[in-house]
């Protein structure tokens, strides 16, 4: 496959979606591990130490550029694939198989992805933009993200939006996790069974931890 076909052919687009999807899954692991330190209940000291390292070290900041690029490519290719699939289904199917043909979340990846995009914009507006505006693009003084979370998550509508965003992420991952590895050629039944189990666990645990963050601040479960 030529490099140009990665962004033009149907197979190429799926490969790009799979590779960027796995990259974003790795990001979620790092992100959720850092965020989970809020439950140390030490007034945010452990969280702020981790956030300071990520914000003041040049390497994570350069990787951040790759992360933004990964998000954009994943979103753009996802939209293109959705439009391409819709154009092929203009006439519809002879019979609606429902969940017998495929799970509803695998048929709704476009909708779930759109909801996650809206959530991502709100999330960046709350935390990433204020911090980077204060710091500049690379290095500089940081705002207290822990204090920012404590303030932002006192608003009921924000907590509801974040929980719904995490709910959408869970269903998106439920299909996307194992689908990415299938696209990259994993076909062994034993490995697919393992990946499916890992995918279900990951799709439940990671979004649940993210959702518990605003809930914990809102109800005062952490100081």
N, C-alpha and C. Protein backbone atom coordinates (compact mmCIF):
# COMPACT_ATOMS: atom_id res chain seq x y z
N UNK A 1 0.84 -1.20 0.00
CA UNK A 1 0.00 0.00 0.00
C UNK A 1 0.87 1.25 0.00
N UNK A 2 0.58 2.18 -0.91
CA UNK A 2 1.32 3.43 -0.96
C UNK A 2 0.90 4.34 0.19
N UNK A 3 1.81 5.28 0.56
CA UNK A 3 1.51 6.19 1.66
C UNK A 3 0.26 7.01 1.37
N UNK A 4 0.09 7.42 0.13
CA UNK A 4 -1.06 8.25 -0.21
C UNK A 4 -2.37 7.50 0.00
N UNK A 5 -2.32 6.15 -0.16
CA UNK A 5 -3.53 5.34 -0.02
C UNK A 5 -4.00 5.23 1.42
N UNK A 6 -3.11 5.54 2.38
CA UNK A 6 -3.50 5.53 3.79
C UNK A 6 -4.62 6.53 4.06
N UNK A 7 -4.64 7.60 3.25
CA UNK A 7 -5.62 8.66 3.48
C UNK A 7 -6.69 8.73 2.40
N UNK A 8 -6.60 7.85 1.40
CA UNK A 8 -7.58 7.91 0.30
C UNK A 8 -8.39 6.62 0.14
N UNK A 9 -7.76 5.46 0.33
CA UNK A 9 -8.47 4.20 0.15
C UNK A 9 -9.23 3.84 1.42
N UNK A 10 -10.24 3.01 1.26
CA UNK A 10 -11.05 2.57 2.40
C UNK A 10 -10.21 1.79 3.40
N UNK A 11 -9.39 0.88 2.90
CA UNK A 11 -8.52 0.08 3.78
C UNK A 11 -7.51 0.98 4.48
N UNK A 12 -6.95 1.93 3.74
CA UNK A 12 -5.97 2.84 4.32
C UNK A 12 -6.55 3.68 5.44
N UNK A 13 -7.76 4.16 5.24
CA UNK A 13 -8.43 4.97 6.27
C UNK A 13 -8.66 4.15 7.53
N UNK A 14 -9.02 2.89 7.35
CA UNK A 14 -9.25 2.02 8.51
C UNK A 14 -7.95 1.77 9.26
N UNK A 15 -6.85 1.65 8.53
CA UNK A 15 -5.54 1.48 9.16
C UNK A 15 -5.17 2.72 9.97
N UNK A 16 -5.40 3.88 9.39
CA UNK A 16 -5.09 5.13 10.10
C UNK A 16 -5.95 5.24 11.35
N UNK A 17 -7.24 4.89 11.23
CA UNK A 17 -8.13 4.91 12.38
C UNK A 17 -7.64 3.96 13.48
N UNK A 18 -7.18 2.78 13.07
CA UNK A 18 -6.70 1.79 14.03
C UNK A 18 -5.44 2.26 14.75
N UNK A 19 -4.47 2.76 13.97
CA UNK A 19 -3.19 3.21 14.55
C UNK A 19 -3.38 4.41 15.48
N UNK A 20 -4.16 5.40 15.03
CA UNK A 20 -4.40 6.57 15.89
C UNK A 20 -5.25 6.18 17.09
N UNK A 21 -6.16 5.22 16.89
CA UNK A 21 -6.99 4.75 18.00
C UNK A 21 -6.15 4.11 19.10
N UNK A 22 -5.20 3.26 18.72
CA UNK A 22 -4.32 2.62 19.71
C UNK A 22 -3.44 3.66 20.40
N UNK A 23 -2.97 4.65 19.64
CA UNK A 23 -2.18 5.74 20.22
C UNK A 23 -3.00 6.50 21.26
N UNK A 24 -4.27 6.76 20.96
CA UNK A 24 -5.13 7.49 21.89
C UNK A 24 -5.50 6.62 23.10
N UNK A 25 -5.57 5.31 22.91
CA UNK A 25 -5.80 4.41 24.04
C UNK A 25 -4.63 4.47 25.01
N UNK A 26 -3.40 4.51 24.48
CA UNK A 26 -2.21 4.65 25.33
C UNK A 26 -2.24 5.97 26.09
N UNK A 27 -2.69 7.02 25.42
CA UNK A 27 -2.82 8.32 26.08
C UNK A 27 -3.83 8.24 27.23
N UNK A 28 -4.95 7.55 27.00
CA UNK A 28 -5.97 7.42 28.04
C UNK A 28 -5.41 6.72 29.27
N UNK A 29 -4.53 5.73 29.06
CA UNK A 29 -3.93 5.01 30.19
C UNK A 29 -3.10 5.97 31.05
N UNK A 30 -2.27 6.78 30.39
CA UNK A 30 -1.44 7.75 31.11
C UNK A 30 -2.33 8.79 31.81
N UNK A 31 -3.32 9.27 31.08
CA UNK A 31 -4.19 10.33 31.59
C UNK A 31 -4.99 9.86 32.81
N UNK A 32 -5.55 8.66 32.72
CA UNK A 32 -6.37 8.17 33.83
C UNK A 32 -5.50 7.83 35.04
N UNK A 33 -4.26 7.36 34.80
CA UNK A 33 -3.35 7.06 35.91
C UNK A 33 -2.99 8.34 36.66
N UNK A 34 -2.71 9.41 35.93
CA UNK A 34 -2.40 10.69 36.57
C UNK A 34 -3.61 11.23 37.32
N UNK A 35 -4.77 11.20 36.68
CA UNK A 35 -5.97 11.75 37.30
C UNK A 35 -6.41 10.97 38.54
N UNK A 36 -6.10 9.67 38.57
CA UNK A 36 -6.51 8.85 39.71
C UNK A 36 -5.80 9.26 41.00
N UNK A 37 -4.70 10.02 40.89
CA UNK A 37 -3.97 10.44 42.08
C UNK A 37 -4.77 11.45 42.91
N UNK A 38 -5.87 11.97 42.38
CA UNK A 38 -6.68 12.90 43.18
C UNK A 38 -7.25 12.19 44.40
N UNK A 39 -7.41 10.85 44.32
CA UNK A 39 -7.98 10.10 45.44
C UNK A 39 -6.96 9.78 46.52
N UNK A 40 -5.74 10.31 46.35
CA UNK A 40 -4.77 10.23 47.45
C UNK A 40 -5.27 11.09 48.61
N UNK A 41 -6.20 12.01 48.28
CA UNK A 41 -6.84 12.88 49.28
C UNK A 41 -5.80 13.66 50.10
N UNK A 42 -4.80 14.17 49.38
CA UNK A 42 -3.72 14.92 50.03
C UNK A 42 -3.77 16.40 49.64
N UNK A 43 -4.96 16.86 49.28
CA UNK A 43 -5.09 18.25 48.86
C UNK A 43 -4.55 18.51 47.47
N UNK A 44 -4.36 17.45 46.69
CA UNK A 44 -3.91 17.59 45.31
C UNK A 44 -2.41 17.60 45.14
N UNK A 45 -1.63 17.31 46.19
CA UNK A 45 -0.17 17.38 46.09
C UNK A 45 0.39 16.38 45.08
N UNK A 46 -0.06 15.13 45.16
CA UNK A 46 0.45 14.12 44.23
C UNK A 46 0.02 14.44 42.80
N UNK A 47 -1.22 14.86 42.64
CA UNK A 47 -1.72 15.21 41.30
C UNK A 47 -0.94 16.38 40.73
N UNK A 48 -0.73 17.42 41.53
CA UNK A 48 -0.03 18.61 41.05
C UNK A 48 1.41 18.30 40.69
N UNK A 49 2.04 17.37 41.43
CA UNK A 49 3.42 16.97 41.12
C UNK A 49 3.48 16.31 39.75
N UNK A 50 2.51 15.41 39.48
CA UNK A 50 2.47 14.76 38.17
C UNK A 50 2.14 15.73 37.06
N UNK A 51 1.18 16.61 37.32
CA UNK A 51 0.78 17.61 36.32
C UNK A 51 1.93 18.57 36.03
N UNK A 52 2.69 18.92 37.09
CA UNK A 52 3.83 19.82 36.90
C UNK A 52 4.89 19.17 36.01
N UNK A 53 5.15 17.87 36.25
CA UNK A 53 6.12 17.16 35.42
C UNK A 53 5.69 17.15 33.96
N UNK A 54 4.41 16.85 33.72
CA UNK A 54 3.91 16.79 32.35
C UNK A 54 3.90 18.17 31.70
N UNK A 55 3.69 19.21 32.52
CA UNK A 55 3.58 20.56 31.96
C UNK A 55 4.89 21.30 31.83
N UNK A 56 5.92 20.88 32.61
CA UNK A 56 7.18 21.63 32.61
C UNK A 56 8.31 20.91 31.91
N UNK A 57 8.09 19.64 31.56
CA UNK A 57 9.11 18.85 30.87
C UNK A 57 8.91 18.98 29.36
N UNK A 58 9.99 19.25 28.66
CA UNK A 58 9.91 19.53 27.23
C UNK A 58 9.42 18.32 26.42
N UNK A 59 9.79 17.09 26.86
CA UNK A 59 9.42 15.90 26.09
C UNK A 59 7.91 15.68 26.05
N UNK A 60 7.21 15.68 27.22
CA UNK A 60 5.75 15.54 27.16
C UNK A 60 5.08 16.66 26.36
N UNK A 61 5.66 17.85 26.41
CA UNK A 61 5.05 18.96 25.68
C UNK A 61 5.18 18.79 24.18
N UNK A 62 6.30 18.21 23.74
CA UNK A 62 6.47 17.92 22.30
C UNK A 62 5.52 16.79 21.89
N UNK A 63 5.42 15.76 22.78
CA UNK A 63 4.49 14.66 22.50
C UNK A 63 3.05 15.14 22.43
N UNK A 64 2.78 16.24 23.13
CA UNK A 64 1.44 16.82 23.11
C UNK A 64 1.03 17.24 21.70
N UNK A 65 2.01 17.70 20.93
CA UNK A 65 1.74 18.08 19.54
C UNK A 65 1.30 16.85 18.75
N UNK A 66 2.00 15.72 18.98
CA UNK A 66 1.61 14.48 18.32
C UNK A 66 0.24 14.02 18.76
N UNK A 67 -0.09 14.26 20.02
CA UNK A 67 -1.40 13.88 20.54
C UNK A 67 -2.51 14.67 19.85
N UNK A 68 -2.30 15.96 19.72
CA UNK A 68 -3.29 16.81 19.04
C UNK A 68 -3.46 16.35 17.59
N UNK A 69 -2.32 16.05 16.93
CA UNK A 69 -2.37 15.57 15.55
C UNK A 69 -3.12 14.24 15.48
N UNK A 70 -2.88 13.36 16.47
CA UNK A 70 -3.56 12.08 16.50
C UNK A 70 -5.07 12.23 16.64
N UNK A 71 -5.48 13.15 17.52
CA UNK A 71 -6.91 13.42 17.68
C UNK A 71 -7.52 13.92 16.37
N UNK A 72 -6.86 14.89 15.76
CA UNK A 72 -7.40 15.49 14.53
C UNK A 72 -7.51 14.47 13.41
N UNK A 73 -6.45 13.66 13.23
CA UNK A 73 -6.46 12.65 12.16
C UNK A 73 -7.55 11.61 12.43
N UNK A 74 -7.66 11.17 13.67
CA UNK A 74 -8.66 10.17 14.04
C UNK A 74 -10.08 10.70 13.78
N UNK A 75 -10.30 11.96 14.13
CA UNK A 75 -11.62 12.57 13.94
C UNK A 75 -11.94 12.73 12.46
N UNK A 76 -10.97 13.28 11.70
CA UNK A 76 -11.20 13.54 10.28
C UNK A 76 -11.42 12.23 9.52
N UNK A 77 -10.57 11.23 9.78
CA UNK A 77 -10.73 9.95 9.10
C UNK A 77 -12.03 9.26 9.50
N UNK A 78 -12.41 9.43 10.78
CA UNK A 78 -13.67 8.85 11.24
C UNK A 78 -14.86 9.45 10.51
N UNK A 79 -14.83 10.77 10.32
CA UNK A 79 -15.90 11.45 9.59
C UNK A 79 -15.95 10.98 8.14
N UNK A 80 -14.77 10.87 7.53
CA UNK A 80 -14.71 10.44 6.13
C UNK A 80 -15.22 9.02 5.96
N UNK A 81 -14.86 8.13 6.90
CA UNK A 81 -15.35 6.75 6.83
C UNK A 81 -16.85 6.67 7.03
N UNK A 82 -17.37 7.49 7.94
CA UNK A 82 -18.80 7.51 8.20
C UNK A 82 -19.57 7.96 6.96
N UNK A 83 -19.09 9.03 6.33
CA UNK A 83 -19.74 9.53 5.12
C UNK A 83 -19.64 8.51 3.99
N UNK A 84 -18.50 7.85 3.90
CA UNK A 84 -18.30 6.83 2.87
C UNK A 84 -19.25 5.66 3.09
N UNK A 85 -19.39 5.23 4.34
CA UNK A 85 -20.29 4.11 4.64
C UNK A 85 -21.75 4.48 4.39
N UNK A 86 -22.11 5.71 4.71
CA UNK A 86 -23.49 6.16 4.49
C UNK A 86 -23.82 6.20 3.00
N UNK A 87 -22.85 6.61 2.20
CA UNK A 87 -23.08 6.69 0.75
C UNK A 87 -23.32 5.30 0.16
N UNK A 88 -22.71 4.28 0.79
CA UNK A 88 -22.88 2.91 0.31
C UNK A 88 -24.20 2.30 0.79
N UNK A 89 -24.82 2.97 1.79
CA UNK A 89 -26.05 2.41 2.35
C UNK A 89 -27.27 3.26 1.99
N UNK A 90 -27.18 4.00 0.92
CA UNK A 90 -28.28 4.90 0.55
C UNK A 90 -29.60 4.16 0.39
N UNK A 91 -29.52 2.95 -0.13
CA UNK A 91 -30.74 2.18 -0.35
C UNK A 91 -31.17 1.43 0.90
N UNK A 92 -30.25 1.28 1.85
CA UNK A 92 -30.58 0.55 3.07
C UNK A 92 -30.48 -0.94 2.85
N UNK A 93 -30.73 -1.68 3.90
CA UNK A 93 -30.64 -3.14 3.82
C UNK A 93 -32.03 -3.74 3.60
N UNK A 94 -32.05 -4.92 3.04
CA UNK A 94 -33.32 -5.59 2.77
C UNK A 94 -34.03 -5.94 4.07
N UNK A 95 -33.26 -6.26 5.11
CA UNK A 95 -33.84 -6.59 6.42
C UNK A 95 -33.01 -5.95 7.50
N UNK A 96 -33.68 -5.46 8.53
CA UNK A 96 -33.00 -4.84 9.66
C UNK A 96 -32.69 -5.93 10.69
N UNK A 97 -31.45 -6.34 10.79
CA UNK A 97 -31.07 -7.43 11.68
C UNK A 97 -30.88 -6.96 13.11
N UNK A 98 -30.78 -5.62 13.31
CA UNK A 98 -30.58 -5.10 14.65
C UNK A 98 -29.30 -5.64 15.26
N UNK A 99 -29.35 -6.03 16.53
CA UNK A 99 -28.18 -6.54 17.23
C UNK A 99 -27.76 -7.92 16.77
N UNK A 100 -28.59 -8.58 15.96
CA UNK A 100 -28.18 -9.88 15.40
C UNK A 100 -27.11 -9.68 14.34
N UNK A 101 -27.12 -8.53 13.67
CA UNK A 101 -26.11 -8.25 12.65
C UNK A 101 -24.87 -7.62 13.26
N UNK A 102 -25.07 -6.65 14.14
CA UNK A 102 -23.97 -5.99 14.83
C UNK A 102 -24.54 -5.24 16.03
N UNK A 103 -23.69 -4.98 17.01
CA UNK A 103 -24.13 -4.26 18.20
C UNK A 103 -24.47 -2.82 17.84
N UNK A 104 -25.40 -2.22 18.60
CA UNK A 104 -25.83 -0.86 18.29
C UNK A 104 -24.68 0.13 18.36
N UNK A 105 -23.74 -0.08 19.29
CA UNK A 105 -22.65 0.87 19.41
C UNK A 105 -21.66 0.78 18.26
N UNK A 106 -21.56 -0.39 17.63
CA UNK A 106 -20.69 -0.50 16.46
C UNK A 106 -21.32 0.18 15.25
N UNK A 107 -22.67 0.26 15.25
CA UNK A 107 -23.38 0.96 14.17
C UNK A 107 -23.49 2.46 14.45
N UNK A 108 -23.12 2.87 15.66
CA UNK A 108 -23.30 4.28 16.05
C UNK A 108 -21.98 4.96 16.37
N UNK A 109 -20.89 4.48 15.77
CA UNK A 109 -19.57 5.05 16.07
C UNK A 109 -19.49 6.52 15.67
N UNK A 110 -20.19 6.88 14.59
CA UNK A 110 -20.18 8.28 14.16
C UNK A 110 -20.84 9.19 15.18
N UNK A 111 -22.01 8.76 15.68
CA UNK A 111 -22.72 9.54 16.69
C UNK A 111 -21.93 9.62 17.99
N UNK A 112 -21.41 8.48 18.45
CA UNK A 112 -20.64 8.46 19.69
C UNK A 112 -19.38 9.31 19.56
N UNK A 113 -18.74 9.23 18.39
CA UNK A 113 -17.54 10.04 18.16
C UNK A 113 -17.85 11.53 18.19
N UNK A 114 -19.02 11.91 17.66
CA UNK A 114 -19.42 13.32 17.66
C UNK A 114 -19.66 13.81 19.08
N UNK A 115 -20.33 12.99 19.90
CA UNK A 115 -20.57 13.34 21.30
C UNK A 115 -19.25 13.48 22.06
N UNK A 116 -18.31 12.59 21.78
CA UNK A 116 -16.99 12.67 22.43
C UNK A 116 -16.26 13.93 22.00
N UNK A 117 -16.39 14.30 20.73
CA UNK A 117 -15.75 15.52 20.23
C UNK A 117 -16.30 16.76 20.95
N UNK A 118 -17.62 16.81 21.13
CA UNK A 118 -18.22 17.94 21.85
C UNK A 118 -17.70 17.98 23.29
N UNK A 119 -17.65 16.80 23.92
CA UNK A 119 -17.14 16.71 25.29
C UNK A 119 -15.67 17.15 25.33
N UNK A 120 -14.89 16.74 24.35
CA UNK A 120 -13.46 17.08 24.30
C UNK A 120 -13.26 18.59 24.19
N UNK A 121 -14.07 19.25 23.38
CA UNK A 121 -13.98 20.71 23.24
C UNK A 121 -14.26 21.40 24.57
N UNK A 122 -15.30 20.94 25.27
CA UNK A 122 -15.65 21.52 26.58
C UNK A 122 -14.53 21.26 27.57
N UNK A 123 -13.98 20.05 27.56
CA UNK A 123 -12.90 19.68 28.48
C UNK A 123 -11.66 20.54 28.25
N UNK A 124 -11.29 20.74 27.00
CA UNK A 124 -10.11 21.56 26.69
C UNK A 124 -10.35 23.02 27.06
N UNK A 125 -11.57 23.50 26.88
CA UNK A 125 -11.89 24.87 27.24
C UNK A 125 -11.79 25.09 28.75
N UNK A 126 -12.11 24.05 29.51
CA UNK A 126 -12.05 24.16 30.97
C UNK A 126 -10.63 24.09 31.52
N UNK A 127 -9.78 23.25 30.92
CA UNK A 127 -8.48 22.98 31.53
C UNK A 127 -7.27 23.26 30.63
N UNK A 128 -7.28 22.71 29.40
CA UNK A 128 -6.10 22.84 28.54
C UNK A 128 -5.86 24.27 28.11
N UNK A 129 -6.91 24.95 27.63
CA UNK A 129 -6.75 26.32 27.13
C UNK A 129 -6.30 27.29 28.22
N UNK A 130 -6.94 27.30 29.41
CA UNK A 130 -6.47 28.23 30.45
C UNK A 130 -5.02 27.97 30.87
N UNK A 131 -4.64 26.69 30.95
CA UNK A 131 -3.28 26.36 31.36
C UNK A 131 -2.26 26.77 30.31
N UNK A 132 -2.57 26.48 29.04
CA UNK A 132 -1.63 26.83 27.98
C UNK A 132 -1.61 28.34 27.75
N UNK A 133 -2.71 29.01 27.96
CA UNK A 133 -2.74 30.48 27.81
C UNK A 133 -1.84 31.13 28.85
N UNK A 134 -1.78 30.50 30.02
CA UNK A 134 -0.94 31.03 31.09
C UNK A 134 0.52 30.69 30.88
N UNK A 135 0.76 29.50 30.31
CA UNK A 135 2.13 29.01 30.16
C UNK A 135 2.82 29.48 28.88
N UNK A 136 2.07 29.71 27.83
CA UNK A 136 2.69 29.81 26.52
C UNK A 136 2.74 28.42 25.92
N UNK A 137 3.21 28.27 24.68
CA UNK A 137 3.12 26.98 23.98
C UNK A 137 4.01 25.91 24.60
N UNK A 138 5.22 26.29 25.05
CA UNK A 138 6.11 25.26 25.56
C UNK A 138 6.20 25.25 27.08
N UNK A 139 6.91 26.20 27.66
CA UNK A 139 7.12 26.17 29.10
C UNK A 139 6.76 27.50 29.72
N UNK A 140 6.43 27.47 30.98
CA UNK A 140 6.09 28.69 31.68
C UNK A 140 5.35 28.38 32.97
N UNK A 141 4.93 29.38 33.72
CA UNK A 141 4.21 29.13 34.97
C UNK A 141 2.87 28.45 34.71
N UNK A 142 2.49 27.57 35.62
CA UNK A 142 1.25 26.81 35.44
C UNK A 142 0.16 27.29 36.39
N UNK A 143 -1.09 27.08 35.99
CA UNK A 143 -2.19 27.28 36.93
C UNK A 143 -2.34 26.00 37.75
N UNK A 144 -3.05 26.06 38.85
CA UNK A 144 -3.31 24.87 39.64
C UNK A 144 -4.49 24.13 39.04
N UNK A 145 -4.21 23.03 38.34
CA UNK A 145 -5.28 22.26 37.70
C UNK A 145 -6.19 21.62 38.74
N UNK A 146 -5.63 21.30 39.91
CA UNK A 146 -6.45 20.71 40.97
C UNK A 146 -7.48 21.72 41.47
N UNK A 147 -7.04 22.95 41.70
CA UNK A 147 -7.97 24.00 42.12
C UNK A 147 -8.99 24.30 41.03
N UNK A 148 -8.51 24.23 39.77
CA UNK A 148 -9.41 24.46 38.64
C UNK A 148 -10.50 23.39 38.58
N UNK A 149 -10.11 22.13 38.80
CA UNK A 149 -11.09 21.04 38.82
C UNK A 149 -12.09 21.23 39.95
N UNK A 150 -11.58 21.58 41.12
CA UNK A 150 -12.45 21.75 42.28
C UNK A 150 -13.50 22.84 42.02
N UNK A 151 -13.09 23.88 41.29
CA UNK A 151 -14.01 24.97 40.99
C UNK A 151 -14.99 24.60 39.88
N UNK A 152 -14.46 24.05 38.79
CA UNK A 152 -15.29 23.72 37.63
C UNK A 152 -16.34 22.67 37.98
N UNK A 153 -15.94 21.68 38.78
CA UNK A 153 -16.85 20.57 39.08
C UNK A 153 -17.82 20.85 40.23
N UNK A 154 -17.98 22.11 40.57
CA UNK A 154 -19.06 22.51 41.48
C UNK A 154 -20.32 22.86 40.71
N UNK A 155 -20.21 22.90 39.37
CA UNK A 155 -21.36 23.23 38.54
C UNK A 155 -22.06 21.94 38.10
N UNK A 156 -23.33 21.85 38.45
CA UNK A 156 -24.07 20.61 38.20
C UNK A 156 -24.12 20.23 36.73
N UNK A 157 -24.33 21.23 35.85
CA UNK A 157 -24.45 20.92 34.42
C UNK A 157 -23.14 20.39 33.87
N UNK A 158 -22.03 20.89 34.40
CA UNK A 158 -20.72 20.43 33.95
C UNK A 158 -20.53 18.96 34.33
N UNK A 159 -20.88 18.62 35.56
CA UNK A 159 -20.75 17.23 36.02
C UNK A 159 -21.59 16.30 35.14
N UNK A 160 -22.81 16.72 34.82
CA UNK A 160 -23.69 15.90 33.98
C UNK A 160 -23.09 15.71 32.59
N UNK A 161 -22.57 16.79 32.00
CA UNK A 161 -21.96 16.70 30.67
C UNK A 161 -20.75 15.77 30.69
N UNK A 162 -19.93 15.85 31.73
CA UNK A 162 -18.74 15.00 31.83
C UNK A 162 -19.12 13.53 31.98
N UNK A 163 -20.14 13.25 32.78
CA UNK A 163 -20.57 11.87 32.96
C UNK A 163 -21.13 11.31 31.65
N UNK A 164 -21.92 12.11 30.94
CA UNK A 164 -22.45 11.67 29.65
C UNK A 164 -21.32 11.49 28.63
N UNK A 165 -20.30 12.36 28.69
CA UNK A 165 -19.16 12.22 27.80
C UNK A 165 -18.41 10.93 28.06
N UNK A 166 -18.25 10.58 29.32
CA UNK A 166 -17.57 9.34 29.69
C UNK A 166 -18.40 8.12 29.29
N UNK A 167 -19.71 8.25 29.38
CA UNK A 167 -20.62 7.18 28.94
C UNK A 167 -20.44 6.93 27.44
N UNK A 168 -20.37 8.01 26.67
CA UNK A 168 -20.17 7.89 25.22
C UNK A 168 -18.81 7.27 24.92
N UNK A 169 -17.79 7.68 25.69
CA UNK A 169 -16.44 7.13 25.50
C UNK A 169 -16.44 5.62 25.74
N UNK A 170 -17.17 5.18 26.76
CA UNK A 170 -17.21 3.75 27.09
C UNK A 170 -17.75 2.93 25.91
N UNK A 171 -18.86 3.38 25.32
CA UNK A 171 -19.45 2.64 24.21
C UNK A 171 -18.58 2.73 22.96
N UNK A 172 -17.92 3.88 22.77
CA UNK A 172 -17.03 4.05 21.62
C UNK A 172 -15.86 3.07 21.72
N UNK A 173 -15.30 2.95 22.93
CA UNK A 173 -14.17 2.04 23.15
C UNK A 173 -14.60 0.58 23.05
N UNK A 174 -15.85 0.30 23.44
CA UNK A 174 -16.34 -1.07 23.44
C UNK A 174 -16.18 -1.71 22.06
N UNK A 175 -16.42 -0.92 21.03
CA UNK A 175 -16.23 -1.42 19.66
C UNK A 175 -14.82 -1.12 19.15
N UNK A 176 -14.33 0.09 19.40
CA UNK A 176 -13.08 0.54 18.81
C UNK A 176 -11.85 -0.22 19.28
N UNK A 177 -11.83 -0.67 20.54
CA UNK A 177 -10.65 -1.35 21.09
C UNK A 177 -10.31 -2.60 20.29
N UNK A 178 -11.26 -3.53 20.22
CA UNK A 178 -10.97 -4.78 19.51
C UNK A 178 -10.95 -4.59 18.01
N UNK A 179 -11.73 -3.61 17.51
CA UNK A 179 -11.78 -3.35 16.07
C UNK A 179 -10.42 -2.89 15.55
N UNK A 180 -9.70 -2.09 16.35
CA UNK A 180 -8.39 -1.58 15.93
C UNK A 180 -7.42 -2.73 15.68
N UNK A 181 -7.40 -3.70 16.59
CA UNK A 181 -6.47 -4.82 16.45
C UNK A 181 -6.89 -5.76 15.32
N UNK A 182 -8.19 -5.91 15.11
CA UNK A 182 -8.66 -6.71 13.97
C UNK A 182 -8.19 -6.08 12.66
N UNK A 183 -8.32 -4.76 12.57
CA UNK A 183 -7.92 -4.04 11.36
C UNK A 183 -6.43 -4.23 11.06
N UNK A 184 -5.63 -4.29 12.14
CA UNK A 184 -4.18 -4.43 11.97
C UNK A 184 -3.75 -5.87 11.73
N UNK A 185 -4.73 -6.79 11.67
CA UNK A 185 -4.41 -8.15 11.23
C UNK A 185 -4.47 -9.23 12.29
N UNK A 186 -4.87 -8.91 13.51
CA UNK A 186 -4.98 -9.95 14.53
C UNK A 186 -6.20 -10.81 14.21
N UNK A 187 -5.96 -12.08 13.94
CA UNK A 187 -7.06 -12.96 13.54
C UNK A 187 -7.11 -14.25 14.36
N UNK A 188 -6.07 -14.51 15.15
CA UNK A 188 -6.04 -15.70 15.97
C UNK A 188 -7.18 -15.66 16.99
N UNK A 189 -7.97 -16.74 17.05
CA UNK A 189 -9.16 -16.76 17.89
C UNK A 189 -8.82 -16.55 19.36
N UNK A 190 -7.72 -17.16 19.82
CA UNK A 190 -7.32 -17.03 21.22
C UNK A 190 -6.97 -15.59 21.55
N UNK A 191 -6.21 -14.94 20.66
CA UNK A 191 -5.82 -13.54 20.90
C UNK A 191 -7.03 -12.61 20.82
N UNK A 192 -7.94 -12.91 19.88
CA UNK A 192 -9.13 -12.07 19.74
C UNK A 192 -10.02 -12.17 20.98
N UNK A 193 -10.11 -13.38 21.54
CA UNK A 193 -10.89 -13.56 22.78
C UNK A 193 -10.27 -12.76 23.91
N UNK A 194 -8.93 -12.81 24.00
CA UNK A 194 -8.21 -12.05 25.04
C UNK A 194 -8.40 -10.55 24.84
N UNK A 195 -8.24 -10.09 23.59
CA UNK A 195 -8.40 -8.67 23.30
C UNK A 195 -9.82 -8.19 23.57
N UNK A 196 -10.79 -9.05 23.27
CA UNK A 196 -12.18 -8.69 23.53
C UNK A 196 -12.42 -8.51 25.03
N UNK A 197 -11.85 -9.41 25.83
CA UNK A 197 -11.99 -9.32 27.29
C UNK A 197 -11.29 -8.08 27.82
N UNK A 198 -10.07 -7.84 27.32
CA UNK A 198 -9.33 -6.64 27.73
C UNK A 198 -10.08 -5.38 27.33
N UNK A 199 -10.65 -5.41 26.12
CA UNK A 199 -11.38 -4.25 25.61
C UNK A 199 -12.59 -3.93 26.45
N UNK A 200 -13.33 -4.96 26.86
CA UNK A 200 -14.51 -4.74 27.69
C UNK A 200 -14.11 -4.15 29.04
N UNK A 201 -13.06 -4.74 29.64
CA UNK A 201 -12.57 -4.23 30.93
C UNK A 201 -12.09 -2.80 30.83
N UNK A 202 -11.31 -2.50 29.80
CA UNK A 202 -10.78 -1.16 29.59
C UNK A 202 -11.92 -0.17 29.34
N UNK A 203 -12.90 -0.59 28.54
CA UNK A 203 -14.02 0.29 28.17
C UNK A 203 -14.91 0.63 29.36
N UNK A 204 -14.88 -0.22 30.38
CA UNK A 204 -15.69 0.03 31.58
C UNK A 204 -14.88 0.81 32.63
N UNK A 205 -13.68 0.32 32.92
CA UNK A 205 -12.89 0.88 34.03
C UNK A 205 -12.43 2.31 33.76
N UNK A 206 -11.82 2.55 32.59
CA UNK A 206 -11.26 3.87 32.31
C UNK A 206 -12.32 4.97 32.28
N UNK A 207 -13.41 4.83 31.50
CA UNK A 207 -14.45 5.86 31.54
C UNK A 207 -15.09 6.03 32.92
N UNK A 208 -15.20 4.91 33.68
CA UNK A 208 -15.78 4.98 35.02
C UNK A 208 -14.89 5.84 35.94
N UNK A 209 -13.59 5.64 35.87
CA UNK A 209 -12.66 6.44 36.68
C UNK A 209 -12.76 7.92 36.30
N UNK A 210 -12.80 8.19 35.00
CA UNK A 210 -12.94 9.58 34.54
C UNK A 210 -14.25 10.18 35.04
N UNK A 211 -15.33 9.42 34.97
CA UNK A 211 -16.64 9.93 35.39
C UNK A 211 -16.70 10.20 36.89
N UNK A 212 -15.99 9.38 37.67
CA UNK A 212 -16.00 9.54 39.12
C UNK A 212 -15.26 10.79 39.58
N UNK A 213 -14.40 11.33 38.72
CA UNK A 213 -13.65 12.53 39.11
C UNK A 213 -14.57 13.72 39.36
N UNK A 214 -15.37 14.16 38.38
CA UNK A 214 -16.27 15.29 38.64
C UNK A 214 -17.29 14.99 39.74
N UNK A 215 -17.75 13.73 39.78
CA UNK A 215 -18.72 13.34 40.81
C UNK A 215 -18.10 13.47 42.20
N UNK A 216 -16.84 13.05 42.34
CA UNK A 216 -16.15 13.11 43.63
C UNK A 216 -15.96 14.55 44.10
N UNK A 217 -15.60 15.44 43.17
CA UNK A 217 -15.44 16.85 43.54
C UNK A 217 -16.80 17.47 43.88
N UNK A 218 -17.81 17.14 43.11
CA UNK A 218 -19.12 17.75 43.30
C UNK A 218 -19.72 17.40 44.66
N UNK A 219 -19.57 16.12 45.06
CA UNK A 219 -20.15 15.67 46.33
C UNK A 219 -19.19 15.82 47.51
N UNK A 220 -17.99 16.35 47.25
CA UNK A 220 -17.06 16.61 48.33
C UNK A 220 -16.43 15.36 48.91
N UNK A 221 -16.27 14.32 48.09
CA UNK A 221 -15.67 13.08 48.57
C UNK A 221 -14.16 13.21 48.74
N UNK A 222 -13.56 14.24 48.09
CA UNK A 222 -12.13 14.49 48.23
C UNK A 222 -11.95 15.95 48.62
N UNK A 223 -10.81 16.24 49.30
CA UNK A 223 -10.61 17.62 49.74
C UNK A 223 -9.76 18.41 48.76
